[in-house]
Amino acid sequence: MTVDIDNLDIEDGATPPPVVGLKAALKLSFRTADEPYARPFPRNPTWAPDRRTLESGGTVVYWINAPQDPEVLLTGDIRGVLSGTLLGGSTPNEIPLTIGLVIGIKIRSQTYQEVEGQGWEPIEGSDILRAVTRSPRWFYRGEMRSGYTHRMDVGLVLDIAVDRQ
């Protein structure tokens, strides 16, 4: 399973940064999307409407943008992005942790450009992933200077093997 993690979840210091070969425990959320990092959710998941969760094996995820009648989607492939948090964020507290063995870590960096009246925004398609065996505690941000583009590390992409329960 591939999970995106924001750099602030690591820099917060509430938990040790992920390391390949060690277990990680994350609250997961799922957002249906058609974008480069979208992946299929495991087939035939169980939908729990009272918690708005999809469950498959040892994976439980809060479905952020679930349609009114998700049963229709559960019969085929559901594509989207899994996000993991160590802080909770928009994922409700009652969502259980998903625990798995970290089998790969990539640091994601993006190039940003200044947009007049809106601040700095990522440039579409500028993502670069670089493999590491251990997540840093602090991510490279550098100095943003007006009139120039700027590349900075924005988070992690973890590959996790989750025990089937």
C-alpha atoms as a PDB file:
ATOM      1  CA  MET A   1       0.000   0.000   0.000  1.00  0.00           C
ATOM      2  CA  THR A   2       1.279   3.494  -0.835  1.00  0.00           C
ATOM      3  CA  VAL A   3       0.612   6.322   1.621  1.00  0.00           C
ATOM      4  CA  ASP A   4       1.349  10.069   1.387  1.00  0.00           C
ATOM      5  CA  ILE A   5       2.516  11.828   4.560  1.00  0.00           C
ATOM      6  CA  ASP A   6       2.858  15.594   4.932  1.00  0.00           C
ATOM      7  CA  ASN A   7       6.193  16.898   6.221  1.00  0.00           C
ATOM      8  CA  LEU A   8       4.500  18.534   9.233  1.00  0.00           C
ATOM      9  CA  ASP A   9       3.432  15.113  10.528  1.00  0.00           C
ATOM     10  CA  ILE A  10       7.098  14.154  10.808  1.00  0.00           C
ATOM     11  CA  GLU A  11       8.447  17.518  11.991  1.00  0.00           C
ATOM     12  CA  ASP A  12       5.847  17.715  14.786  1.00  0.00           C
ATOM     13  CA  GLY A  13       7.996  15.285  16.794  1.00  0.00           C
ATOM     14  CA  ALA A  14       5.039  13.292  18.182  1.00  0.00           C
ATOM     15  CA  THR A  15       6.453  10.091  16.718  1.00  0.00           C
ATOM     16  CA  PRO A  16       9.807   8.905  15.367  1.00  0.00           C
ATOM     17  CA  PRO A  17      10.314   9.366  11.616  1.00  0.00           C
ATOM     18  CA  PRO A  18       9.597   6.187   9.588  1.00  0.00           C
ATOM     19  CA  VAL A  19      12.469   3.787   8.856  1.00  0.00           C
ATOM     20  CA  VAL A  20      12.532   0.992   6.256  1.00  0.00           C
ATOM     21  CA  GLY A  21      12.238  -2.349   8.052  1.00  0.00           C
ATOM     22  CA  LEU A  22      10.355  -0.969  11.080  1.00  0.00           C
ATOM     23  CA  LYS A  23       6.614  -0.798  11.722  1.00  0.00           C
ATOM     24  CA  ALA A  24       4.607   2.391  11.387  1.00  0.00           C
ATOM     25  CA  ALA A  25       1.145   3.141  12.814  1.00  0.00           C
ATOM     26  CA  LEU A  26      -0.949   5.713  10.945  1.00  0.00           C
ATOM     27  CA  LYS A  27      -4.480   7.080  10.822  1.00  0.00           C
ATOM     28  CA  LEU A  28      -5.421   6.831   7.167  1.00  0.00           C
ATOM     29  CA  SER A  29      -7.763   8.870   5.043  1.00  0.00           C
ATOM     30  CA  PHE A  30      -8.751   8.234   1.431  1.00  0.00           C
ATOM     31  CA  ARG A  31      -9.663  10.781  -1.197  1.00  0.00           C
ATOM     32  CA  THR A  32     -11.035   9.654  -4.549  1.00  0.00           C
ATOM     33  CA  ALA A  33      -8.978  11.382  -7.193  1.00  0.00           C
ATOM     34  CA  ASP A  34      -7.667  11.048 -10.700  1.00  0.00           C
ATOM     35  CA  GLU A  35      -4.129  12.339 -10.394  1.00  0.00           C
ATOM     36  CA  PRO A  36      -0.610  10.951 -10.867  1.00  0.00           C
ATOM     37  CA  TYR A  37      -0.414   9.437  -7.364  1.00  0.00           C
ATOM     38  CA  ALA A  38      -3.896   7.874  -7.421  1.00  0.00           C
ATOM     39  CA  ARG A  39      -3.853   4.147  -6.806  1.00  0.00           C
ATOM     40  CA  PRO A  40      -6.613   1.540  -6.687  1.00  0.00           C
ATOM     41  CA  PHE A  41      -7.998   0.729  -3.246  1.00  0.00           C
ATOM     42  CA  PRO A  42      -7.994  -3.047  -2.521  1.00  0.00           C
ATOM     43  CA  ARG A  43     -10.924  -4.767  -4.232  1.00  0.00           C
ATOM     44  CA  ASN A  44     -14.133  -5.608  -2.384  1.00  0.00           C
ATOM     45  CA  PRO A  45     -13.641  -3.450   0.691  1.00  0.00           C
ATOM     46  CA  THR A  46     -16.249  -3.242   3.423  1.00  0.00           C
ATOM     47  CA  TRP A  47     -18.065   0.107   3.685  1.00  0.00           C
ATOM     48  CA  ALA A  48     -19.028   1.249   7.196  1.00  0.00           C
ATOM     49  CA  PRO A  49     -21.393   4.212   6.611  1.00  0.00           C
ATOM     50  CA  ASP A  50     -21.663   5.173  10.294  1.00  0.00           C
ATOM     51  CA  ARG A  51     -17.888   5.850  10.444  1.00  0.00           C
ATOM     52  CA  ARG A  52     -17.459   6.635   6.714  1.00  0.00           C
ATOM     53  CA  THR A  53     -14.674   4.048   6.533  1.00  0.00           C
ATOM     54  CA  LEU A  54     -13.449   1.567   3.960  1.00  0.00           C
ATOM     55  CA  GLU A  55     -11.952  -1.592   5.435  1.00  0.00           C
ATOM     56  CA  SER A  56      -9.890  -4.281   3.754  1.00  0.00           C
ATOM     57  CA  GLY A  57      -7.712  -6.738   5.626  1.00  0.00           C
ATOM     58  CA  GLY A  58      -5.839  -4.806   8.302  1.00  0.00           C
ATOM     59  CA  THR A  59      -6.444  -1.448   6.597  1.00  0.00           C
ATOM     60  CA  VAL A  60      -9.099   0.997   7.846  1.00  0.00           C
ATOM     61  CA  VAL A  61      -9.401   4.369   6.115  1.00  0.00           C
ATOM     62  CA  TYR A  62     -11.671   7.367   6.547  1.00  0.00           C
ATOM     63  CA  TRP A  63     -13.176   8.199   3.122  1.00  0.00           C
ATOM     64  CA  ILE A  64     -13.063  12.007   2.972  1.00  0.00           C
ATOM     65  CA  ASN A  65     -15.099  12.599  -0.191  1.00  0.00           C
ATOM     66  CA  ALA A  66     -17.322   9.508  -0.213  1.00  0.00           C
ATOM     67  CA  PRO A  67     -20.372   9.844  -2.478  1.00  0.00           C
ATOM     68  CA  GLN A  68     -23.887   9.646  -1.022  1.00  0.00           C
ATOM     69  CA  ASP A  69     -24.213   6.038  -2.216  1.00  0.00           C
ATOM     70  CA  PRO A  70     -20.698   4.556  -2.252  1.00  0.00           C
ATOM     71  CA  GLU A  71     -22.035   0.990  -2.584  1.00  0.00           C
ATOM     72  CA  VAL A  72     -22.039   1.595  -6.348  1.00  0.00           C
ATOM     73  CA  LEU A  73     -18.292   2.251  -6.296  1.00  0.00           C
ATOM     74  CA  LEU A  74     -17.491  -0.753  -4.134  1.00  0.00           C
ATOM     75  CA  THR A  75     -18.200  -3.162  -6.982  1.00  0.00           C
ATOM     76  CA  GLY A  76     -15.296  -1.930  -9.136  1.00  0.00           C
ATOM     77  CA  ASP A  77     -11.996  -0.177  -8.821  1.00  0.00           C
ATOM     78  CA  ILE A  78     -11.878   2.840  -6.553  1.00  0.00           C
ATOM     79  CA  ARG A  79      -8.908   5.060  -7.380  1.00  0.00           C
ATOM     80  CA  GLY A  80      -7.571   7.693  -5.076  1.00  0.00           C
ATOM     81  CA  VAL A  81      -4.873   8.850  -2.704  1.00  0.00           C
ATOM     82  CA  LEU A  82      -4.241   7.436   0.756  1.00  0.00           C
ATOM     83  CA  SER A  83      -2.932   9.977   3.238  1.00  0.00           C
ATOM     84  CA  GLY A  84      -1.436   9.016   6.558  1.00  0.00           C
ATOM     85  CA  THR A  85      -1.244  11.178   9.610  1.00  0.00           C
ATOM     86  CA  LEU A  86       0.380  10.815  12.952  1.00  0.00           C
ATOM     87  CA  LEU A  87      -1.428  13.890  14.291  1.00  0.00           C
ATOM     88  CA  GLY A  88      -5.079  13.106  13.489  1.00  0.00           C
ATOM     89  CA  GLY A  89      -5.907  16.224  11.474  1.00  0.00           C
ATOM     90  CA  SER A  90      -9.177  15.850   9.580  1.00  0.00           C
ATOM     91  CA  THR A  91      -9.295  12.101  10.289  1.00  0.00           C
ATOM     92  CA  PRO A  92     -11.732  11.454  13.169  1.00  0.00           C
ATOM     93  CA  ASN A  93     -10.224  10.239  16.449  1.00  0.00           C
ATOM     94  CA  GLU A  94     -12.279   7.021  16.451  1.00  0.00           C
ATOM     95  CA  ILE A  95     -10.640   5.743  13.243  1.00  0.00           C
ATOM     96  CA  PRO A  96      -8.257   2.959  14.311  1.00  0.00           C
ATOM     97  CA  LEU A  97      -4.589   3.000  13.411  1.00  0.00           C
ATOM     98  CA  THR A  98      -3.391   0.922  10.479  1.00  0.00           C
ATOM     99  CA  ILE A  99      -0.114  -0.785  11.336  1.00  0.00           C
ATOM    100  CA  GLY A 100       2.321  -2.054   8.750  1.00  0.00           C
ATOM    101  CA  LEU A 101       5.947  -2.719   7.952  1.00  0.00           C
ATOM    102  CA  VAL A 102       7.652   0.134   6.085  1.00  0.00           C
ATOM    103  CA  ILE A 103       9.166  -1.386   2.943  1.00  0.00           C
ATOM    104  CA  GLY A 104      10.006   1.839   1.072  1.00  0.00           C
ATOM    105  CA  ILE A 105      10.344   5.571   1.700  1.00  0.00           C
ATOM    106  CA  LYS A 106      10.574   8.371  -0.840  1.00  0.00           C
ATOM    107  CA  ILE A 107      10.927  12.066  -0.066  1.00  0.00           C
ATOM    108  CA  ARG A 108       8.657  14.161  -2.294  1.00  0.00           C
ATOM    109  CA  SER A 109       9.847  17.579  -3.412  1.00  0.00           C
ATOM    110  CA  GLN A 110       7.941  20.119  -5.503  1.00  0.00           C
ATOM    111  CA  THR A 111       8.820  23.312  -7.308  1.00  0.00           C
ATOM    112  CA  TYR A 112       6.823  26.374  -6.259  1.00  0.00           C
ATOM    113  CA  GLN A 113       6.189  29.626  -8.077  1.00  0.00           C
ATOM    114  CA  GLU A 114       4.920  32.916  -6.772  1.00  0.00           C
ATOM    115  CA  VAL A 115       1.416  33.733  -7.983  1.00  0.00           C
ATOM    116  CA  GLU A 116       0.521  37.400  -7.715  1.00  0.00           C
ATOM    117  CA  GLY A 117      -2.027  37.989  -4.972  1.00  0.00           C
ATOM    118  CA  GLN A 118      -2.100  34.295  -3.961  1.00  0.00           C
ATOM    119  CA  GLY A 119       1.345  33.540  -2.535  1.00  0.00           C
ATOM    120  CA  TRP A 120       3.378  30.481  -3.472  1.00  0.00           C
ATOM    121  CA  GLU A 121       1.790  27.515  -5.279  1.00  0.00           C
ATOM    122  CA  PRO A 122       3.242  24.193  -6.488  1.00  0.00           C
ATOM    123  CA  ILE A 123       3.895  23.849 -10.205  1.00  0.00           C
ATOM    124  CA  GLU A 124       1.852  20.960 -11.594  1.00  0.00           C
ATOM    125  CA  GLY A 125       4.015  18.020 -12.661  1.00  0.00           C
ATOM    126  CA  SER A 126       7.097  19.237 -10.756  1.00  0.00           C
ATOM    127  CA  ASP A 127       7.114  16.415  -8.185  1.00  0.00           C
ATOM    128  CA  ILE A 128      10.345  14.504  -7.763  1.00  0.00           C
ATOM    129  CA  LEU A 129      10.637  11.429  -5.538  1.00  0.00           C
ATOM    130  CA  ARG A 130      13.954  10.292  -4.098  1.00  0.00           C
ATOM    131  CA  ALA A 131      14.369   7.016  -2.248  1.00  0.00           C
ATOM    132  CA  VAL A 132      15.804   6.952   1.276  1.00  0.00           C
ATOM    133  CA  THR A 133      15.958   4.279   3.978  1.00  0.00           C
ATOM    134  CA  ARG A 134      15.086   6.638   6.828  1.00  0.00           C
ATOM    135  CA  SER A 135      12.867   9.697   6.909  1.00  0.00           C
ATOM    136  CA  PRO A 136      14.501  12.909   8.034  1.00  0.00           C
ATOM    137  CA  ARG A 137      13.066  14.661  11.098  1.00  0.00           C
ATOM    138  CA  TRP A 138      13.328  18.034   9.317  1.00  0.00           C
ATOM    139  CA  PHE A 139      12.680  18.680   5.636  1.00  0.00           C
ATOM    140  CA  TYR A 140      14.548  21.013   3.274  1.00  0.00           C
ATOM    141  CA  ARG A 141      12.669  24.245   2.629  1.00  0.00           C
ATOM    142  CA  GLY A 142      15.376  26.729   1.676  1.00  0.00           C
ATOM    143  CA  GLU A 143      14.622  30.378   1.036  1.00  0.00           C
ATOM    144  CA  MET A 144      11.819  31.533  -1.253  1.00  0.00           C
ATOM    145  CA  ARG A 145      12.791  34.618  -3.260  1.00  0.00           C
ATOM    146  CA  SER A 146      10.391  36.688  -5.297  1.00  0.00           C
ATOM    147  CA  GLY A 147      10.917  36.359  -9.038  1.00  0.00           C
ATOM    148  CA  TYR A 148      12.391  32.841  -8.807  1.00  0.00           C
ATOM    149  CA  THR A 149      10.944  29.347  -8.612  1.00  0.00           C
ATOM    150  CA  HIS A 150      11.746  27.378  -5.492  1.00  0.00           C
ATOM    151  CA  ARG A 151      12.067  23.632  -4.837  1.00  0.00           C
ATOM    152  CA  MET A 152      11.375  22.232  -1.384  1.00  0.00           C
ATOM    153  CA  ASP A 153      10.643  18.912   0.306  1.00  0.00           C
ATOM    154  CA  VAL A 154       6.941  18.592   1.101  1.00  0.00           C
ATOM    155  CA  GLY A 155       6.546  15.113   2.564  1.00  0.00           C
ATOM    156  CA  LEU A 156       6.940  11.384   2.162  1.00  0.00           C
ATOM    157  CA  VAL A 157       5.529   8.584   0.077  1.00  0.00           C
ATOM    158  CA  LEU A 158       5.630   5.388   2.131  1.00  0.00           C
ATOM    159  CA  ASP A 159       5.232   1.854   0.871  1.00  0.00           C
ATOM    160  CA  ILE A 160       3.780  -0.222   3.692  1.00  0.00           C
ATOM    161  CA  ALA A 161       3.003  -3.934   3.959  1.00  0.00           C
ATOM    162  CA  VAL A 162      -0.087  -4.275   6.145  1.00  0.00           C
ATOM    163  CA  ASP A 163      -0.883  -7.540   7.919  1.00  0.00           C
ATOM    164  CA  ARG A 164      -4.110  -9.100   6.629  1.00  0.00           C
ATOM    165  CA  GLN A 165      -6.372  -9.563   9.625  1.00  0.00           C
END
